[in-house]
Amino acid sequence: MTREASVTRNTQETQIALRLNLAAGASELAVDHGFLAHLLDQLARHGGVALQLNASGDVDAVDVHHLAEDVGIALGMAYHEALGDRRGIRRYAHAYVPMDETLARCVVDVSGRPYLHFDPAGFEGDAHGFNVHHLREFLRGFCNHARMTVHVEVLSGVETHHVAEAVMKAFARALRQAVEVVEDGVPSTKGIL
């Protein structure tokens, strides 16, 4: 089982090419938005994956919304492909991550059923134009295309940079545990995920 995938997504708003390997390795990120690139670097590092990503879009003409959403979609597609039949994975996992005044919790179920519960607790500031609504769109795109259930809650926090980064790290750590191969069968009474 190789547990890797390549995805290309070209629209009128974004151009994305990525390669994902669920085994740890070096990552190379070329992303049109600095803070989104920073968050994706955290995802690769804390998620224990190798991510090769070229992502550009209408950041200057519109904002980071389309790029964040479409990178989430492409990454979700890659995870879905890399996991194959999901045989042997842990399936459920959670992580808490503190970052200064912020504490974020993320719970993941690699269920085959896409759902996102996202409670950013009203943080309305931004980090280089990136706000929690862009993070929500990234995660929603991911969940819908990876076919996973993800619950995100910010338990405390003030500064949007810290909130977004703690959420991404918690998401990455929970995801890393959930996709870890720990047994032989499919972890579902249905026999499929």
N, C-alpha and C. Protein backbone atom coordinates (compact mmCIF):
# COMPACT_ATOMS: atom_id res chain seq x y z
N MET A 1 0.85 -1.17 0.00
CA MET A 1 0.00 0.00 0.00
C MET A 1 0.90 1.24 0.00
N THR A 2 0.77 2.08 -1.03
CA THR A 2 1.67 3.23 -1.16
C THR A 2 1.23 4.42 -0.33
N ARG A 3 -0.07 4.62 -0.11
CA ARG A 3 -0.61 5.74 0.67
C ARG A 3 -0.08 7.09 0.17
N GLU A 4 -0.20 7.26 -1.14
CA GLU A 4 0.15 8.55 -1.72
C GLU A 4 -0.80 8.85 -2.87
N ALA A 5 -0.84 10.13 -3.25
CA ALA A 5 -1.75 10.54 -4.32
C ALA A 5 -1.27 11.86 -4.91
N SER A 6 -1.67 12.08 -6.16
CA SER A 6 -1.42 13.35 -6.85
C SER A 6 -2.75 13.89 -7.33
N VAL A 7 -2.93 15.19 -7.18
CA VAL A 7 -4.17 15.84 -7.60
C VAL A 7 -3.83 17.14 -8.31
N THR A 8 -4.52 17.38 -9.42
CA THR A 8 -4.43 18.66 -10.12
C THR A 8 -5.84 19.22 -10.18
N ARG A 9 -5.97 20.50 -9.83
CA ARG A 9 -7.27 21.18 -9.86
C ARG A 9 -7.07 22.56 -10.48
N ASN A 10 -7.58 22.74 -11.67
CA ASN A 10 -7.49 24.03 -12.36
C ASN A 10 -8.88 24.56 -12.63
N THR A 11 -9.15 25.76 -12.11
CA THR A 11 -10.44 26.42 -12.33
C THR A 11 -10.16 27.83 -12.85
N GLN A 12 -11.20 28.61 -13.06
CA GLN A 12 -11.02 29.99 -13.47
C GLN A 12 -10.50 30.85 -12.31
N GLU A 13 -10.54 30.30 -11.10
CA GLU A 13 -10.11 31.04 -9.91
C GLU A 13 -8.76 30.58 -9.35
N THR A 14 -8.44 29.30 -9.51
CA THR A 14 -7.22 28.76 -8.91
C THR A 14 -6.56 27.72 -9.82
N GLN A 15 -5.25 27.54 -9.61
CA GLN A 15 -4.49 26.48 -10.27
C GLN A 15 -3.71 25.76 -9.17
N ILE A 16 -3.99 24.47 -9.00
CA ILE A 16 -3.41 23.72 -7.90
C ILE A 16 -2.86 22.39 -8.41
N ALA A 17 -1.65 22.08 -8.01
CA ALA A 17 -1.05 20.77 -8.26
C ALA A 17 -0.43 20.32 -6.96
N LEU A 18 -0.81 19.14 -6.50
CA LEU A 18 -0.22 18.66 -5.24
C LEU A 18 0.06 17.18 -5.30
N ARG A 19 1.03 16.81 -4.51
CA ARG A 19 1.39 15.40 -4.31
C ARG A 19 1.46 15.19 -2.81
N LEU A 20 0.78 14.16 -2.35
CA LEU A 20 0.70 13.85 -0.92
C LEU A 20 1.25 12.46 -0.68
N ASN A 21 2.11 12.31 0.31
CA ASN A 21 2.58 11.01 0.76
C ASN A 21 2.31 10.95 2.25
N LEU A 22 1.51 9.99 2.69
CA LEU A 22 1.15 9.90 4.11
C LEU A 22 2.30 9.45 4.99
N ALA A 23 3.42 9.07 4.39
CA ALA A 23 4.63 8.81 5.15
C ALA A 23 5.36 10.15 5.31
N ALA A 24 5.98 10.34 6.43
CA ALA A 24 6.71 11.59 6.67
C ALA A 24 7.80 11.77 5.62
N GLY A 25 8.04 13.01 5.28
CA GLY A 25 9.08 13.32 4.30
C GLY A 25 9.16 14.82 4.12
N ALA A 26 10.01 15.24 3.23
CA ALA A 26 10.19 16.67 2.98
C ALA A 26 8.99 17.22 2.22
N SER A 27 8.63 18.45 2.56
CA SER A 27 7.54 19.14 1.88
C SER A 27 8.10 20.35 1.15
N GLU A 28 7.46 20.69 0.04
CA GLU A 28 7.80 21.89 -0.73
C GLU A 28 6.50 22.60 -1.05
N LEU A 29 6.37 23.84 -0.56
CA LEU A 29 5.14 24.59 -0.73
C LEU A 29 5.39 25.88 -1.49
N ALA A 30 4.67 26.07 -2.57
CA ALA A 30 4.68 27.32 -3.32
C ALA A 30 3.23 27.77 -3.40
N VAL A 31 2.84 28.66 -2.49
CA VAL A 31 1.45 29.07 -2.33
C VAL A 31 1.38 30.59 -2.43
N ASP A 32 0.40 31.09 -3.18
CA ASP A 32 0.26 32.52 -3.43
C ASP A 32 -0.05 33.37 -2.20
N HIS A 33 -0.33 32.77 -1.09
CA HIS A 33 -0.68 33.52 0.11
C HIS A 33 0.21 33.05 1.26
N GLY A 34 0.97 33.98 1.85
CA GLY A 34 1.95 33.64 2.87
C GLY A 34 1.39 32.96 4.10
N PHE A 35 0.28 33.47 4.63
CA PHE A 35 -0.25 32.87 5.86
C PHE A 35 -0.87 31.50 5.58
N LEU A 36 -1.54 31.35 4.44
CA LEU A 36 -2.05 30.03 4.07
C LEU A 36 -0.90 29.05 3.91
N ALA A 37 0.20 29.47 3.31
CA ALA A 37 1.38 28.61 3.19
C ALA A 37 1.91 28.22 4.56
N HIS A 38 1.91 29.17 5.50
CA HIS A 38 2.35 28.91 6.87
C HIS A 38 1.48 27.84 7.52
N LEU A 39 0.17 27.94 7.34
CA LEU A 39 -0.74 26.94 7.92
C LEU A 39 -0.55 25.57 7.28
N LEU A 40 -0.33 25.53 5.97
CA LEU A 40 -0.12 24.26 5.28
C LEU A 40 1.20 23.61 5.69
N ASP A 41 2.19 24.43 5.96
CA ASP A 41 3.46 23.91 6.49
C ASP A 41 3.22 23.25 7.84
N GLN A 42 2.39 23.88 8.68
CA GLN A 42 2.05 23.29 9.98
C GLN A 42 1.30 21.97 9.80
N LEU A 43 0.40 21.94 8.82
CA LEU A 43 -0.35 20.71 8.55
C LEU A 43 0.60 19.58 8.17
N ALA A 44 1.56 19.86 7.28
CA ALA A 44 2.50 18.82 6.86
C ALA A 44 3.38 18.38 8.03
N ARG A 45 3.91 19.33 8.77
CA ARG A 45 4.82 19.00 9.88
C ARG A 45 4.11 18.22 10.99
N HIS A 46 2.98 18.75 11.45
CA HIS A 46 2.27 18.11 12.56
C HIS A 46 1.46 16.90 12.10
N GLY A 47 1.14 16.86 10.80
CA GLY A 47 0.42 15.72 10.25
C GLY A 47 1.32 14.58 9.84
N GLY A 48 2.63 14.82 9.86
CA GLY A 48 3.59 13.77 9.52
C GLY A 48 3.51 13.31 8.09
N VAL A 49 3.22 14.24 7.16
CA VAL A 49 3.10 13.88 5.74
C VAL A 49 4.09 14.68 4.91
N ALA A 50 4.36 14.17 3.73
CA ALA A 50 5.14 14.91 2.74
C ALA A 50 4.14 15.54 1.77
N LEU A 51 4.23 16.84 1.62
CA LEU A 51 3.30 17.58 0.77
C LEU A 51 4.08 18.43 -0.22
N GLN A 52 3.89 18.15 -1.50
CA GLN A 52 4.44 18.98 -2.57
C GLN A 52 3.25 19.75 -3.14
N LEU A 53 3.29 21.07 -3.07
CA LEU A 53 2.13 21.86 -3.45
C LEU A 53 2.52 23.13 -4.20
N ASN A 54 1.90 23.32 -5.36
CA ASN A 54 1.95 24.58 -6.10
C ASN A 54 0.51 25.06 -6.18
N ALA A 55 0.25 26.24 -5.60
CA ALA A 55 -1.13 26.75 -5.56
C ALA A 55 -1.14 28.25 -5.80
N SER A 56 -1.82 28.64 -6.86
CA SER A 56 -1.96 30.06 -7.16
C SER A 56 -3.43 30.34 -7.47
N GLY A 57 -3.79 31.63 -7.37
CA GLY A 57 -5.18 31.97 -7.62
C GLY A 57 -5.40 33.46 -7.65
N ASP A 58 -6.65 33.84 -7.54
CA ASP A 58 -7.06 35.23 -7.65
C ASP A 58 -6.95 35.99 -6.33
N VAL A 59 -5.87 35.75 -5.61
CA VAL A 59 -5.65 36.36 -4.29
C VAL A 59 -5.61 37.88 -4.39
N ASP A 60 -4.91 38.41 -5.37
CA ASP A 60 -4.81 39.87 -5.50
C ASP A 60 -6.10 40.49 -6.02
N ALA A 61 -6.76 39.82 -6.93
CA ALA A 61 -7.98 40.37 -7.54
C ALA A 61 -9.20 40.23 -6.63
N VAL A 62 -9.27 39.16 -5.86
CA VAL A 62 -10.43 38.91 -4.99
C VAL A 62 -9.97 38.90 -3.54
N ASP A 63 -9.56 37.75 -3.05
CA ASP A 63 -8.93 37.56 -1.74
C ASP A 63 -8.51 36.10 -1.65
N VAL A 64 -8.18 35.63 -0.48
CA VAL A 64 -7.65 34.29 -0.31
C VAL A 64 -8.75 33.21 -0.27
N HIS A 65 -10.01 33.61 -0.27
CA HIS A 65 -11.12 32.67 -0.12
C HIS A 65 -11.06 31.50 -1.11
N HIS A 66 -10.99 31.80 -2.41
CA HIS A 66 -11.00 30.73 -3.42
C HIS A 66 -9.80 29.81 -3.28
N LEU A 67 -8.64 30.39 -3.00
CA LEU A 67 -7.43 29.58 -2.87
C LEU A 67 -7.52 28.65 -1.67
N ALA A 68 -7.96 29.18 -0.53
CA ALA A 68 -8.10 28.35 0.68
C ALA A 68 -9.08 27.21 0.44
N GLU A 69 -10.23 27.53 -0.12
CA GLU A 69 -11.25 26.52 -0.37
C GLU A 69 -10.75 25.45 -1.34
N ASP A 70 -10.15 25.87 -2.45
CA ASP A 70 -9.72 24.91 -3.47
C ASP A 70 -8.52 24.08 -3.03
N VAL A 71 -7.62 24.64 -2.23
CA VAL A 71 -6.54 23.82 -1.67
C VAL A 71 -7.13 22.78 -0.73
N GLY A 72 -8.14 23.16 0.07
CA GLY A 72 -8.81 22.18 0.93
C GLY A 72 -9.45 21.07 0.12
N ILE A 73 -10.11 21.43 -0.98
CA ILE A 73 -10.73 20.43 -1.86
C ILE A 73 -9.67 19.48 -2.42
N ALA A 74 -8.60 20.03 -2.97
CA ALA A 74 -7.56 19.20 -3.58
C ALA A 74 -6.88 18.31 -2.54
N LEU A 75 -6.62 18.85 -1.36
CA LEU A 75 -5.99 18.06 -0.30
C LEU A 75 -6.93 16.95 0.17
N GLY A 76 -8.22 17.26 0.28
CA GLY A 76 -9.19 16.23 0.65
C GLY A 76 -9.24 15.12 -0.38
N MET A 77 -9.22 15.49 -1.66
CA MET A 77 -9.21 14.49 -2.72
C MET A 77 -7.96 13.60 -2.61
N ALA A 78 -6.84 14.21 -2.31
CA ALA A 78 -5.59 13.46 -2.19
C ALA A 78 -5.63 12.50 -1.00
N TYR A 79 -6.12 12.96 0.14
CA TYR A 79 -6.25 12.06 1.30
C TYR A 79 -7.18 10.89 0.97
N HIS A 80 -8.31 11.20 0.33
CA HIS A 80 -9.26 10.14 -0.01
C HIS A 80 -8.59 9.07 -0.89
N GLU A 81 -7.87 9.52 -1.90
CA GLU A 81 -7.18 8.58 -2.80
C GLU A 81 -6.06 7.82 -2.08
N ALA A 82 -5.27 8.53 -1.28
CA ALA A 82 -4.14 7.90 -0.60
C ALA A 82 -4.57 6.85 0.43
N LEU A 83 -5.75 7.03 1.01
CA LEU A 83 -6.23 6.09 2.01
C LEU A 83 -6.85 4.83 1.42
N GLY A 84 -7.18 4.86 0.15
CA GLY A 84 -7.74 3.67 -0.50
C GLY A 84 -8.98 3.18 0.21
N ASP A 85 -9.02 1.88 0.56
CA ASP A 85 -10.20 1.31 1.23
C ASP A 85 -10.18 1.55 2.74
N ARG A 86 -9.15 2.25 3.21
CA ARG A 86 -9.02 2.65 4.62
C ARG A 86 -8.83 1.46 5.56
N ARG A 87 -8.44 0.36 4.99
CA ARG A 87 -8.21 -0.86 5.77
C ARG A 87 -7.10 -0.64 6.80
N GLY A 88 -7.39 -1.00 8.04
CA GLY A 88 -6.39 -0.99 9.10
C GLY A 88 -6.18 0.34 9.81
N ILE A 89 -6.84 1.41 9.36
CA ILE A 89 -6.60 2.71 10.00
C ILE A 89 -7.25 2.78 11.38
N ARG A 90 -6.74 3.68 12.19
CA ARG A 90 -7.30 3.89 13.53
C ARG A 90 -8.73 4.44 13.43
N ARG A 91 -9.01 5.28 12.49
CA ARG A 91 -10.28 5.91 12.17
C ARG A 91 -10.62 7.10 13.06
N TYR A 92 -10.69 6.94 14.36
CA TYR A 92 -11.06 8.03 15.26
C TYR A 92 -9.83 8.61 15.94
N ALA A 93 -9.80 9.92 16.10
CA ALA A 93 -8.69 10.54 16.85
C ALA A 93 -9.08 11.96 17.23
N HIS A 94 -8.37 12.47 18.21
CA HIS A 94 -8.58 13.86 18.62
C HIS A 94 -7.25 14.44 19.09
N ALA A 95 -7.21 15.77 19.09
CA ALA A 95 -6.01 16.47 19.57
C ALA A 95 -6.40 17.82 20.13
N TYR A 96 -5.70 18.20 21.18
CA TYR A 96 -5.78 19.54 21.74
C TYR A 96 -4.44 20.21 21.47
N VAL A 97 -4.46 21.47 21.06
CA VAL A 97 -3.22 22.21 20.86
C VAL A 97 -3.35 23.60 21.48
N PRO A 98 -2.43 23.92 22.42
CA PRO A 98 -2.39 25.28 22.94
C PRO A 98 -1.40 26.11 22.12
N MET A 99 -1.66 27.38 22.03
CA MET A 99 -0.70 28.32 21.45
C MET A 99 -0.91 29.63 22.20
N ASP A 100 -0.03 29.88 23.16
CA ASP A 100 -0.15 31.05 24.02
C ASP A 100 -1.54 31.08 24.66
N GLU A 101 -2.35 32.10 24.37
CA GLU A 101 -3.67 32.26 25.00
C GLU A 101 -4.73 31.35 24.37
N THR A 102 -4.39 30.67 23.30
CA THR A 102 -5.36 29.89 22.52
C THR A 102 -5.29 28.41 22.88
N LEU A 103 -6.46 27.77 22.91
CA LEU A 103 -6.55 26.32 23.04
C LEU A 103 -7.58 25.83 22.03
N ALA A 104 -7.15 24.95 21.13
CA ALA A 104 -8.03 24.41 20.09
C ALA A 104 -8.15 22.90 20.25
N ARG A 105 -9.35 22.41 19.93
CA ARG A 105 -9.61 20.96 19.97
C ARG A 105 -10.14 20.54 18.61
N CYS A 106 -9.63 19.41 18.12
CA CYS A 106 -10.12 18.85 16.87
C CYS A 106 -10.35 17.35 17.05
N VAL A 107 -11.49 16.88 16.58
CA VAL A 107 -11.85 15.46 16.62
C VAL A 107 -12.14 15.01 15.20
N VAL A 108 -11.55 13.90 14.79
CA VAL A 108 -11.65 13.40 13.41
C VAL A 108 -12.23 12.00 13.41
N ASP A 109 -13.13 11.75 12.46
CA ASP A 109 -13.63 10.41 12.16
C ASP A 109 -13.47 10.19 10.66
N VAL A 110 -12.62 9.25 10.29
CA VAL A 110 -12.41 8.93 8.88
C VAL A 110 -13.53 7.97 8.49
N SER A 111 -14.73 8.51 8.40
CA SER A 111 -15.97 7.74 8.36
C SER A 111 -16.50 7.42 6.98
N GLY A 112 -16.06 8.17 5.96
CA GLY A 112 -16.70 8.07 4.66
C GLY A 112 -17.88 9.01 4.54
N ARG A 113 -18.21 9.71 5.63
CA ARG A 113 -19.33 10.65 5.64
C ARG A 113 -18.80 12.06 5.89
N PRO A 114 -18.90 12.96 4.92
CA PRO A 114 -18.37 14.31 5.09
C PRO A 114 -19.25 15.17 5.99
N TYR A 115 -18.61 15.77 6.99
CA TYR A 115 -19.31 16.70 7.86
C TYR A 115 -18.27 17.55 8.57
N LEU A 116 -18.56 18.84 8.69
CA LEU A 116 -17.69 19.75 9.44
C LEU A 116 -18.51 20.51 10.46
N HIS A 117 -18.11 20.39 11.72
CA HIS A 117 -18.61 21.27 12.77
C HIS A 117 -17.46 22.20 13.09
N PHE A 118 -17.68 23.50 12.91
CA PHE A 118 -16.60 24.47 13.08
C PHE A 118 -17.09 25.59 13.97
N ASP A 119 -16.51 25.68 15.16
CA ASP A 119 -16.89 26.72 16.11
C ASP A 119 -15.67 27.58 16.41
N PRO A 120 -15.50 28.67 15.63
CA PRO A 120 -14.34 29.53 15.85
C PRO A 120 -14.54 30.53 16.97
N ALA A 121 -15.70 30.52 17.63
CA ALA A 121 -15.99 31.37 18.79
C ALA A 121 -15.87 32.86 18.50
N GLY A 122 -16.18 33.27 17.27
CA GLY A 122 -16.31 34.69 16.96
C GLY A 122 -15.04 35.48 16.75
N PHE A 123 -13.95 34.85 16.38
CA PHE A 123 -12.71 35.59 16.13
C PHE A 123 -12.79 36.23 14.75
N GLU A 124 -12.85 37.55 14.71
CA GLU A 124 -13.11 38.24 13.46
C GLU A 124 -11.91 38.97 12.89
N GLY A 125 -10.78 38.97 13.56
CA GLY A 125 -9.59 39.62 13.02
C GLY A 125 -9.01 38.81 11.88
N ASP A 126 -7.85 39.23 11.37
CA ASP A 126 -7.24 38.47 10.30
C ASP A 126 -5.72 38.45 10.46
N ALA A 127 -5.12 37.52 9.74
CA ALA A 127 -3.66 37.40 9.68
C ALA A 127 -3.30 37.50 8.21
N HIS A 128 -2.80 38.66 7.79
CA HIS A 128 -2.46 38.91 6.39
C HIS A 128 -3.65 38.65 5.47
N GLY A 129 -4.84 39.09 5.92
CA GLY A 129 -6.05 38.92 5.12
C GLY A 129 -6.73 37.58 5.28
N PHE A 130 -6.14 36.67 6.05
CA PHE A 130 -6.70 35.34 6.27
C PHE A 130 -7.44 35.35 7.60
N ASN A 131 -8.72 34.93 7.58
CA ASN A 131 -9.48 34.91 8.83
C ASN A 131 -10.07 33.54 9.07
N VAL A 132 -10.80 33.38 10.17
CA VAL A 132 -11.33 32.06 10.52
C VAL A 132 -12.36 31.57 9.51
N HIS A 133 -12.99 32.48 8.77
CA HIS A 133 -13.94 32.05 7.75
C HIS A 133 -13.22 31.38 6.57
N HIS A 134 -12.03 31.86 6.25
CA HIS A 134 -11.22 31.21 5.22
C HIS A 134 -10.77 29.82 5.70
N LEU A 135 -10.43 29.74 6.99
CA LEU A 135 -10.05 28.45 7.56
C LEU A 135 -11.22 27.48 7.49
N ARG A 136 -12.42 27.97 7.80
CA ARG A 136 -13.62 27.13 7.71
C ARG A 136 -13.81 26.60 6.28
N GLU A 137 -13.62 27.46 5.27
CA GLU A 137 -13.79 27.02 3.89
C GLU A 137 -12.74 25.99 3.48
N PHE A 138 -11.51 26.16 3.97
CA PHE A 138 -10.47 25.17 3.73
C PHE A 138 -10.90 23.82 4.32
N LEU A 139 -11.32 23.83 5.58
CA LEU A 139 -11.70 22.59 6.27
C LEU A 139 -12.95 21.96 5.65
N ARG A 140 -13.92 22.80 5.25
CA ARG A 140 -15.13 22.28 4.61
C ARG A 140 -14.79 21.59 3.29
N GLY A 141 -13.96 22.24 2.47
CA GLY A 141 -13.53 21.62 1.22
C GLY A 141 -12.83 20.30 1.47
N PHE A 142 -11.97 20.29 2.49
CA PHE A 142 -11.26 19.06 2.85
C PHE A 142 -12.24 17.96 3.24
N CYS A 143 -13.12 18.25 4.19
CA CYS A 143 -14.04 17.23 4.70
C CYS A 143 -14.92 16.65 3.59
N ASN A 144 -15.45 17.53 2.75
CA ASN A 144 -16.34 17.07 1.68
C ASN A 144 -15.65 16.14 0.71
N HIS A 145 -14.37 16.37 0.45
CA HIS A 145 -13.67 15.57 -0.56
C HIS A 145 -12.84 14.44 0.02
N ALA A 146 -12.46 14.54 1.28
CA ALA A 146 -11.80 13.42 1.96
C ALA A 146 -12.83 12.45 2.52
N ARG A 147 -14.08 12.91 2.58
CA ARG A 147 -15.19 12.14 3.15
C ARG A 147 -14.92 11.79 4.61
N MET A 148 -14.64 12.85 5.37
CA MET A 148 -14.37 12.71 6.79
C MET A 148 -15.28 13.62 7.60
N THR A 149 -15.50 13.24 8.85
CA THR A 149 -16.20 14.09 9.81
C THR A 149 -15.15 14.74 10.69
N VAL A 150 -15.24 16.07 10.82
CA VAL A 150 -14.28 16.82 11.63
C VAL A 150 -15.05 17.80 12.51
N HIS A 151 -14.73 17.80 13.78
CA HIS A 151 -15.29 18.77 14.73
C HIS A 151 -14.14 19.63 15.25
N VAL A 152 -14.29 20.95 15.12
CA VAL A 152 -13.26 21.90 15.56
C VAL A 152 -13.90 22.87 16.54
N GLU A 153 -13.25 23.06 17.69
CA GLU A 153 -13.71 24.05 18.65
C GLU A 153 -12.52 24.82 19.17
N VAL A 154 -12.69 26.12 19.30
CA VAL A 154 -11.70 26.97 19.93
C VAL A 154 -12.17 27.18 21.36
N LEU A 155 -11.43 26.62 22.32
CA LEU A 155 -11.84 26.67 23.72
C LEU A 155 -11.46 27.98 24.38
N SER A 156 -10.37 28.59 23.92
CA SER A 156 -9.99 29.93 24.36
C SER A 156 -9.07 30.53 23.31
N GLY A 157 -9.02 31.84 23.29
CA GLY A 157 -8.15 32.50 22.34
C GLY A 157 -8.52 33.95 22.15
N VAL A 158 -7.59 34.72 21.62
CA VAL A 158 -7.82 36.14 21.37
C VAL A 158 -7.36 36.49 19.97
N GLU A 159 -6.12 36.18 19.67
CA GLU A 159 -5.47 36.65 18.45
C GLU A 159 -5.69 35.67 17.31
N THR A 160 -6.19 36.15 16.18
CA THR A 160 -6.60 35.29 15.07
C THR A 160 -5.46 34.43 14.53
N HIS A 161 -4.25 34.97 14.46
CA HIS A 161 -3.11 34.18 13.99
C HIS A 161 -2.96 32.94 14.88
N HIS A 162 -3.00 33.13 16.19
CA HIS A 162 -2.84 32.00 17.11
C HIS A 162 -4.01 31.03 17.00
N VAL A 163 -5.22 31.56 16.85
CA VAL A 163 -6.40 30.70 16.73
C VAL A 163 -6.29 29.81 15.49
N ALA A 164 -6.01 30.42 14.33
CA ALA A 164 -5.92 29.65 13.09
C ALA A 164 -4.79 28.63 13.15
N GLU A 165 -3.66 29.02 13.70
CA GLU A 165 -2.53 28.10 13.76
C GLU A 165 -2.78 26.95 14.73
N ALA A 166 -3.37 27.24 15.88
CA ALA A 166 -3.68 26.17 16.84
C ALA A 166 -4.70 25.20 16.25
N VAL A 167 -5.71 25.72 15.55
CA VAL A 167 -6.70 24.86 14.91
C VAL A 167 -6.03 23.96 13.88
N MET A 168 -5.17 24.53 13.04
CA MET A 168 -4.51 23.73 12.00
C MET A 168 -3.62 22.66 12.61
N LYS A 169 -2.90 23.00 13.66
CA LYS A 169 -2.04 22.01 14.31
C LYS A 169 -2.86 20.89 14.95
N ALA A 170 -3.96 21.25 15.61
CA ALA A 170 -4.83 20.24 16.22
C ALA A 170 -5.43 19.34 15.14
N PHE A 171 -5.87 19.95 14.04
CA PHE A 171 -6.42 19.19 12.93
C PHE A 171 -5.37 18.22 12.38
N ALA A 172 -4.16 18.70 12.17
CA ALA A 172 -3.08 17.88 11.62
C ALA A 172 -2.74 16.71 12.54
N ARG A 173 -2.67 16.98 13.84
CA ARG A 173 -2.31 15.93 14.79
C ARG A 173 -3.40 14.87 14.91
N ALA A 174 -4.66 15.31 14.92
CA ALA A 174 -5.77 14.35 14.97
C ALA A 174 -5.82 13.52 13.69
N LEU A 175 -5.64 14.19 12.56
CA LEU A 175 -5.66 13.50 11.27
C LEU A 175 -4.54 12.47 11.19
N ARG A 176 -3.37 12.83 11.66
CA ARG A 176 -2.22 11.91 11.64
C ARG A 176 -2.53 10.63 12.41
N GLN A 177 -3.14 10.77 13.58
CA GLN A 177 -3.49 9.60 14.38
C GLN A 177 -4.61 8.79 13.73
N ALA A 178 -5.61 9.47 13.17
CA ALA A 178 -6.77 8.79 12.60
C ALA A 178 -6.40 7.93 11.39
N VAL A 179 -5.43 8.36 10.60
CA VAL A 179 -5.07 7.61 9.38
C VAL A 179 -3.95 6.61 9.62
N GLU A 180 -3.44 6.56 10.84
CA GLU A 180 -2.38 5.61 11.17
C GLU A 180 -2.89 4.17 11.03
N VAL A 181 -2.09 3.32 10.41
CA VAL A 181 -2.45 1.91 10.26
C VAL A 181 -2.11 1.18 11.56
N VAL A 182 -3.14 0.58 12.18
CA VAL A 182 -2.95 -0.06 13.49
C VAL A 182 -3.48 -1.49 13.54
N GLU A 183 -4.21 -1.94 12.51
CA GLU A 183 -4.77 -3.29 12.51
C GLU A 183 -4.95 -3.76 11.08
N ASP A 184 -5.64 -4.88 10.90
CA ASP A 184 -5.81 -5.44 9.56
C ASP A 184 -7.14 -5.08 8.92
N GLY A 185 -8.22 -5.10 9.68
CA GLY A 185 -9.55 -4.94 9.10
C GLY A 185 -9.96 -3.50 8.89
N VAL A 186 -11.18 -3.36 8.36
CA VAL A 186 -11.78 -2.04 8.19
C VAL A 186 -12.49 -1.71 9.50
N PRO A 187 -12.19 -0.57 10.13
CA PRO A 187 -12.76 -0.27 11.44
C PRO A 187 -14.21 0.22 11.36
N SER A 188 -15.12 -0.67 10.95
CA SER A 188 -16.53 -0.34 10.84
C SER A 188 -17.35 -1.61 10.89
N THR A 189 -18.49 -1.57 11.58
CA THR A 189 -19.38 -2.74 11.59
C THR A 189 -20.00 -2.98 10.23
N LYS A 190 -19.98 -1.96 9.36
CA LYS A 190 -20.50 -2.12 7.99
C LYS A 190 -19.52 -2.87 7.10
N GLY A 191 -18.24 -2.88 7.49
CA GLY A 191 -17.23 -3.55 6.69
C GLY A 191 -16.60 -2.65 5.64
N ILE A 192 -17.13 -1.43 5.49
CA ILE A 192 -16.55 -0.45 4.57
C ILE A 192 -16.60 0.93 5.20
N LEU A 193 -15.73 1.82 4.74
CA LEU A 193 -15.75 3.21 5.16
C LEU A 193 -15.84 4.08 3.91
